[in-house]
Amino acid sequence: MILRVLRYFFVALLWLVIAFLLAIVLVPPFLDRIYYRGEVSDHFDGARFFNPDEGEGEWVGDPTRGNNRGSLIARFVTGDGRPPWPESVPIDQVVPETRVEGDRLVVTWVGHATVLVQTQELNILTDPIWSDYATPFPPLGPRRVSPPAVAFDDLPPIDLVLVSHNHYDHMDLPTLERLWERDRPRIVTSLGNDSVIAQAGAEAMALDWGGRVRVSPQAEVVVTRNHHWGSRWFVDRNRALWSSFVIRTPGGNIFFAGDTGPGDMRWPEEAAAYGPVRLALIPIGAFRFEPGQDWSGSHVGPHHAVRVMQGLGARHALGIHWRTFRLSWEAFETPGRMLGEELDAAGVPRERFRAAPVGTVWEVPGL
């Protein structure tokens, strides 16, 4: 009797293994998606997008390039000696002004890459995420350690949303759906991402690098180059484009870097060509994927963040993409501490490039 049960158990286990192996082979093609169809360009081969500066500014063996993805996932699951992060970080939520007139520029760091930018009577959100998890399978995956600095219901009416690319920590469909149902904002993104955003029932304008759209009599958005990649399901890698943005206003331009590695480091100067940058929103976190690393092919660390600011000629900058989701192996406060040291080494006053707590409200000085 026992032998028969064991035989059935091992047969069932064998079939489960076979099914799992078949799934690995058969399922991924069905998860692939065609987000964009268009002409071949210097960054689109007719099927997938790519960085025209590929190979420049890459970290050898960088797991974020995908060549060690299995190892990367395993290390996230096991922890593998990562510096500890707090389970949660309490913050005092803020209630923003309804509108900011004229050349006044007020920014509120909501968390991660989400910033509320208010100027010229426009309310702008960058890469909005109010979800607790940045993953397709919550509660598996990165969980936010601090709540959004602005409660969703306390947001003023949103006029413009910028979505840099389709990773879950930057394109949060539940948040986009709520914003669309409430405010019907203009959503501007890069090629192919509009088809993903449509899954939330929202409409988006998708532009190529260099594309521009006037969003009010006082403001224009330009989609600009950076150095990254895109994917929602691994196998749909680079089916949609990634980008940064320049918001042109009479009071000075605002640059949002999105998510980026250093690449050739010429893209900040390209963005600066659209006019003086009053404020730059630059990522400083999620750069350490192995011991001693201070940048990766996909993310800039504090060293390159300072160089981005200098390349832009930005008068002021705010560090984003840290203190919210644990995406790599640096400690919780490491990006801010390193940024201060890099600014000192470069001779840039620390008050010009802020590494501030989530919830910081900053009235940015003029040019």
Foldseek 3Di string as FASTA:
>chain_A
DVVVVVVVVVVVVVVVVVVVVVCVVPVLVVVADQLFADDDDCQRHRFFGADNLPPFQADVPFCQVPPCVVVLVVCVVVVVPFDDADQADEDAADQDDQAADALWWKWAFQAFLWIFIHYNRATETFLDDQDQAQAPDPPPHWGWRYGGSYDPVRDHQHAEYEQFAPRSSRHPQVVLLVNCVPHVHAYEYAGRVQSVNCVSVHGYHHYHQQDKDASDPFKIKGWHDAFAWHDRRVSNIRSTHGTKMWIDGPQAIETEGRWHFCRPVQRLLVNLVVDAHAEYEFEADPAAADPPTQHRRTHHHLLVRVVSCVSSVYQAYEYHRAQTIPNHRDYRCVRQVVNVVNCVVVVHDDRRYDDDDRGDMDRGDTD
